[in-house]
Every structure is written in structure tokens, then in C-alpha cells.
Amino acid sequence: MTLTIANLQPIVALIAGVLILFVPRILNYIVALYLIITGILGLGIIKF
């Protein structure tokens, strides 16, 4: 299986959801990291 943006976004969302479920205080950090990662991948700065 090759790792593409289409595969990476659901995996990141799943991990973020589980972390939010168990540690709700880190919601701001998880959302910020998700947005940064999605932005970087969307701009094509890092290619998989």
C-alpha cells in the first residue's frame, strides 16, 4: 500500500479523534497540528 494524501488524512483524523476522546484537554493542540499537517500536504511541500 502506498501512502498518499487520500490515505493519510483519515488516519490522522482517526488518531486525533482517539486522542481527543481520552485526553480532551489537548484538543487545541490536536486541531492545530491537524490543520498544519493538512496545509503542508495540501501545498505539496511534503510529498508522499
PDB file of N, CA and C in Angstrom:
ATOM      1  N   MET A   1       0.843  -1.182   0.000  1.00  0.00           N
ATOM      2  CA  MET A   1       0.000   0.000   0.000  1.00  0.00           C
ATOM      3  C   MET A   1       0.887   1.243   0.000  1.00  0.00           C
ATOM      4  N   THR A   2       0.628   2.132  -0.928  1.00  0.00           N
ATOM      5  CA  THR A   2       1.374   3.381  -0.959  1.00  0.00           C
ATOM      6  C   THR A   2       0.649   4.420  -0.107  1.00  0.00           C
ATOM      7  N   LEU A   3       1.424   5.281   0.519  1.00  0.00           N
ATOM      8  CA  LEU A   3       0.873   6.300   1.406  1.00  0.00           C
ATOM      9  C   LEU A   3       0.669   7.580   0.619  1.00  0.00           C
ATOM     10  N   THR A   4      -0.594   7.955   0.421  1.00  0.00           N
ATOM     11  CA  THR A   4      -0.923   9.187  -0.283  1.00  0.00           C
ATOM     12  C   THR A   4      -1.715  10.090   0.650  1.00  0.00           C
ATOM     13  N   ILE A   5      -1.987  11.294   0.183  1.00  0.00           N
ATOM     14  CA  ILE A   5      -2.772  12.225   0.991  1.00  0.00           C
ATOM     15  C   ILE A   5      -4.157  11.649   1.253  1.00  0.00           C
ATOM     16  N   ALA A   6      -4.707  10.967   0.265  1.00  0.00           N
ATOM     17  CA  ALA A   6      -6.035  10.372   0.433  1.00  0.00           C
ATOM     18  C   ALA A   6      -6.035   9.322   1.542  1.00  0.00           C
ATOM     19  N   ASN A   7      -4.923   8.638   1.750  1.00  0.00           N
ATOM     20  CA  ASN A   7      -4.823   7.651   2.820  1.00  0.00           C
ATOM     21  C   ASN A   7      -4.420   8.289   4.134  1.00  0.00           C
ATOM     22  N   LEU A   8      -3.650   9.350   4.081  1.00  0.00           N
ATOM     23  CA  LEU A   8      -3.085   9.937   5.285  1.00  0.00           C
ATOM     24  C   LEU A   8      -4.110  10.732   6.093  1.00  0.00           C
ATOM     25  N   GLN A   9      -4.982  11.462   5.444  1.00  0.00           N
ATOM     26  CA  GLN A   9      -5.937  12.302   6.167  1.00  0.00           C
ATOM     27  C   GLN A   9      -6.882  11.502   7.054  1.00  0.00           C
ATOM     28  N   PRO A  10      -7.471  10.398   6.595  1.00  0.00           N
ATOM     29  CA  PRO A  10      -8.328   9.630   7.506  1.00  0.00           C
ATOM     30  C   PRO A  10      -7.560   9.017   8.676  1.00  0.00           C
ATOM     31  N   ILE A  11      -6.316   8.634   8.448  1.00  0.00           N
ATOM     32  CA  ILE A  11      -5.505   8.066   9.529  1.00  0.00           C
ATOM     33  C   ILE A  11      -5.221   9.128  10.577  1.00  0.00           C
ATOM     34  N   VAL A  12      -4.845  10.328  10.146  1.00  0.00           N
ATOM     35  CA  VAL A  12      -4.582  11.422  11.081  1.00  0.00           C
ATOM     36  C   VAL A  12      -5.855  11.792  11.834  1.00  0.00           C
ATOM     37  N   ALA A  13      -6.985  11.831  11.140  1.00  0.00           N
ATOM     38  CA  ALA A  13      -8.254  12.162  11.784  1.00  0.00           C
ATOM     39  C   ALA A  13      -8.632  11.107  12.819  1.00  0.00           C
ATOM     40  N   LEU A  14      -8.396   9.850  12.526  1.00  0.00           N
ATOM     41  CA  LEU A  14      -8.699   8.777  13.465  1.00  0.00           C
ATOM     42  C   LEU A  14      -7.833   8.876  14.713  1.00  0.00           C
ATOM     43  N   ILE A  15      -6.557   9.101  14.533  1.00  0.00           N
ATOM     44  CA  ILE A  15      -5.647   9.255  15.676  1.00  0.00           C
ATOM     45  C   ILE A  15      -6.041  10.462  16.512  1.00  0.00           C
ATOM     46  N   ALA A  16      -6.359  11.569  15.849  1.00  0.00           N
ATOM     47  CA  ALA A  16      -6.767  12.777  16.567  1.00  0.00           C
ATOM     48  C   ALA A  16      -8.057  12.534  17.346  1.00  0.00           C
ATOM     49  N   GLY A  17      -8.999  11.837  16.753  1.00  0.00           N
ATOM     50  CA  GLY A  17     -10.251  11.543  17.434  1.00  0.00           C
ATOM     51  C   GLY A  17     -10.063  10.697  18.678  1.00  0.00           C
ATOM     52  N   VAL A  18      -9.201   9.699  18.588  1.00  0.00           N
ATOM     53  CA  VAL A  18      -8.933   8.847  19.747  1.00  0.00           C
ATOM     54  C   VAL A  18      -8.245   9.644  20.851  1.00  0.00           C
ATOM     55  N   LEU A  19      -7.284  10.474  20.487  1.00  0.00           N
ATOM     56  CA  LEU A  19      -6.601  11.300  21.487  1.00  0.00           C
ATOM     57  C   LEU A  19      -7.556  12.279  22.161  1.00  0.00           C
ATOM     58  N   ILE A  20      -8.436  12.892  21.380  1.00  0.00           N
ATOM     59  CA  ILE A  20      -9.415  13.817  21.953  1.00  0.00           C
ATOM     60  C   ILE A  20     -10.358  13.076  22.896  1.00  0.00           C
ATOM     61  N   LEU A  21     -10.714  11.866  22.543  1.00  0.00           N
ATOM     62  CA  LEU A  21     -11.612  11.078  23.375  1.00  0.00           C
ATOM     63  C   LEU A  21     -10.997  10.787  24.739  1.00  0.00           C
ATOM     64  N   PHE A  22      -9.717  10.461  24.769  1.00  0.00           N
ATOM     65  CA  PHE A  22      -9.070  10.081  26.018  1.00  0.00           C
ATOM     66  C   PHE A  22      -8.479  11.265  26.783  1.00  0.00           C
ATOM     67  N   VAL A  23      -8.036  12.299  26.078  1.00  0.00           N
ATOM     68  CA  VAL A  23      -7.422  13.455  26.725  1.00  0.00           C
ATOM     69  C   VAL A  23      -8.032  14.725  26.123  1.00  0.00           C
ATOM     70  N   PRO A  24      -9.224  15.129  26.579  1.00  0.00           N
ATOM     71  CA  PRO A  24      -9.891  16.269  25.945  1.00  0.00           C
ATOM     72  C   PRO A  24      -9.165  17.602  26.124  1.00  0.00           C
ATOM     73  N   ARG A  25      -8.251  17.707  27.078  1.00  0.00           N
ATOM     74  CA  ARG A  25      -7.532  18.969  27.282  1.00  0.00           C
ATOM     75  C   ARG A  25      -6.595  19.313  26.145  1.00  0.00           C
ATOM     76  N   ILE A  26      -6.166  18.320  25.370  1.00  0.00           N
ATOM     77  CA  ILE A  26      -5.216  18.604  24.289  1.00  0.00           C
ATOM     78  C   ILE A  26      -5.914  18.853  22.950  1.00  0.00           C
ATOM     79  N   LEU A  27      -7.206  19.157  23.009  1.00  0.00           N
ATOM     80  CA  LEU A  27      -7.973  19.385  21.785  1.00  0.00           C
ATOM     81  C   LEU A  27      -7.367  20.495  20.933  1.00  0.00           C
ATOM     82  N   ASN A  28      -6.986  21.602  21.547  1.00  0.00           N
ATOM     83  CA  ASN A  28      -6.418  22.724  20.785  1.00  0.00           C
ATOM     84  C   ASN A  28      -5.149  22.323  20.048  1.00  0.00           C
ATOM     85  N   TYR A  29      -4.286  21.570  20.702  1.00  0.00           N
ATOM     86  CA  TYR A  29      -3.032  21.149  20.070  1.00  0.00           C
ATOM     87  C   TYR A  29      -3.286  20.179  18.920  1.00  0.00           C
ATOM     88  N   ILE A  30      -4.224  19.268  19.127  1.00  0.00           N
ATOM     89  CA  ILE A  30      -4.519  18.284  18.081  1.00  0.00           C
ATOM     90  C   ILE A  30      -5.108  18.971  16.855  1.00  0.00           C
ATOM     91  N   VAL A  31      -6.028  19.894  17.070  1.00  0.00           N
ATOM     92  CA  VAL A  31      -6.630  20.616  15.944  1.00  0.00           C
ATOM     93  C   VAL A  31      -5.566  21.443  15.222  1.00  0.00           C
ATOM     94  N   ALA A  32      -4.711  22.107  15.976  1.00  0.00           N
ATOM     95  CA  ALA A  32      -3.656  22.913  15.361  1.00  0.00           C
ATOM     96  C   ALA A  32      -2.698  22.048  14.543  1.00  0.00           C
ATOM     97  N   LEU A  33      -2.273  20.934  15.102  1.00  0.00           N
ATOM     98  CA  LEU A  33      -1.372  20.040  14.360  1.00  0.00           C
ATOM     99  C   LEU A  33      -2.039  19.475  13.119  1.00  0.00           C
ATOM    100  N   TYR A  34      -3.303  19.110  13.236  1.00  0.00           N
ATOM    101  CA  TYR A  34      -4.033  18.578  12.081  1.00  0.00           C
ATOM    102  C   TYR A  34      -4.106  19.620  10.968  1.00  0.00           C
ATOM    103  N   LEU A  35      -4.420  20.852  11.332  1.00  0.00           N
ATOM    104  CA  LEU A  35      -4.512  21.900  10.325  1.00  0.00           C
ATOM    105  C   LEU A  35      -3.156  22.190   9.685  1.00  0.00           C
ATOM    106  N   ILE A  36      -2.102  22.190  10.472  1.00  0.00           N
ATOM    107  CA  ILE A  36      -0.757  22.415   9.937  1.00  0.00           C
ATOM    108  C   ILE A  36      -0.357  21.294   8.987  1.00  0.00           C
ATOM    109  N   ILE A  37      -0.579  20.054   9.397  1.00  0.00           N
ATOM    110  CA  ILE A  37      -0.224  18.906   8.550  1.00  0.00           C
ATOM    111  C   ILE A  37      -1.031  18.907   7.265  1.00  0.00           C
ATOM    112  N   THR A  38      -2.332  19.165   7.373  1.00  0.00           N
ATOM    113  CA  THR A  38      -3.187  19.198   6.185  1.00  0.00           C
ATOM    114  C   THR A  38      -2.754  20.323   5.246  1.00  0.00           C
ATOM    115  N   GLY A  39      -2.410  21.485   5.806  1.00  0.00           N
ATOM    116  CA  GLY A  39      -1.953  22.592   4.981  1.00  0.00           C
ATOM    117  C   GLY A  39      -0.657  22.293   4.257  1.00  0.00           C
ATOM    118  N   ILE A  40       0.292  21.694   4.975  1.00  0.00           N
ATOM    119  CA  ILE A  40       1.581  21.349   4.364  1.00  0.00           C
ATOM    120  C   ILE A  40       1.399  20.333   3.246  1.00  0.00           C
ATOM    121  N   LEU A  41       0.586  19.316   3.519  1.00  0.00           N
ATOM    122  CA  LEU A  41       0.340  18.305   2.480  1.00  0.00           C
ATOM    123  C   LEU A  41      -0.432  18.894   1.309  1.00  0.00           C
ATOM    124  N   GLY A  42      -1.379  19.786   1.591  1.00  0.00           N
ATOM    125  CA  GLY A  42      -2.167  20.395   0.528  1.00  0.00           C
ATOM    126  C   GLY A  42      -1.340  21.294  -0.362  1.00  0.00           C
ATOM    127  N   LEU A  43      -0.368  21.973   0.197  1.00  0.00           N
ATOM    128  CA  LEU A  43       0.507  22.838  -0.598  1.00  0.00           C
ATOM    129  C   LEU A  43       1.565  22.054  -1.370  1.00  0.00           C
ATOM    130  N   GLY A  44       1.751  20.814  -1.000  1.00  0.00           N
ATOM    131  CA  GLY A  44       2.716  19.985  -1.705  1.00  0.00           C
ATOM    132  C   GLY A  44       4.130  20.182  -1.228  1.00  0.00           C
ATOM    133  N   ILE A  45       4.314  20.764  -0.042  1.00  0.00           N
ATOM    134  CA  ILE A  45       5.652  20.965   0.489  1.00  0.00           C
ATOM    135  C   ILE A  45       6.304  19.620   0.799  1.00  0.00           C
ATOM    136  N   ILE A  46       5.522  18.711   1.347  1.00  0.00           N
ATOM    137  CA  ILE A  46       5.993  17.344   1.597  1.00  0.00           C
ATOM    138  C   ILE A  46       5.157  16.420   0.717  1.00  0.00           C
ATOM    139  N   LYS A  47       5.811  15.598  -0.053  1.00  0.00           N
ATOM    140  CA  LYS A  47       5.085  14.701  -0.971  1.00  0.00           C
ATOM    141  C   LYS A  47       5.309  13.260  -0.564  1.00  0.00           C
ATOM    142  N   PHE A  48       4.215  12.534  -0.590  1.00  0.00           N
ATOM    143  CA  PHE A  48       4.276  11.088  -0.307  1.00  0.00           C
ATOM    144  C   PHE A  48       3.969  10.323  -1.558  1.00  0.00           C
TER     145      PHE A  48
END
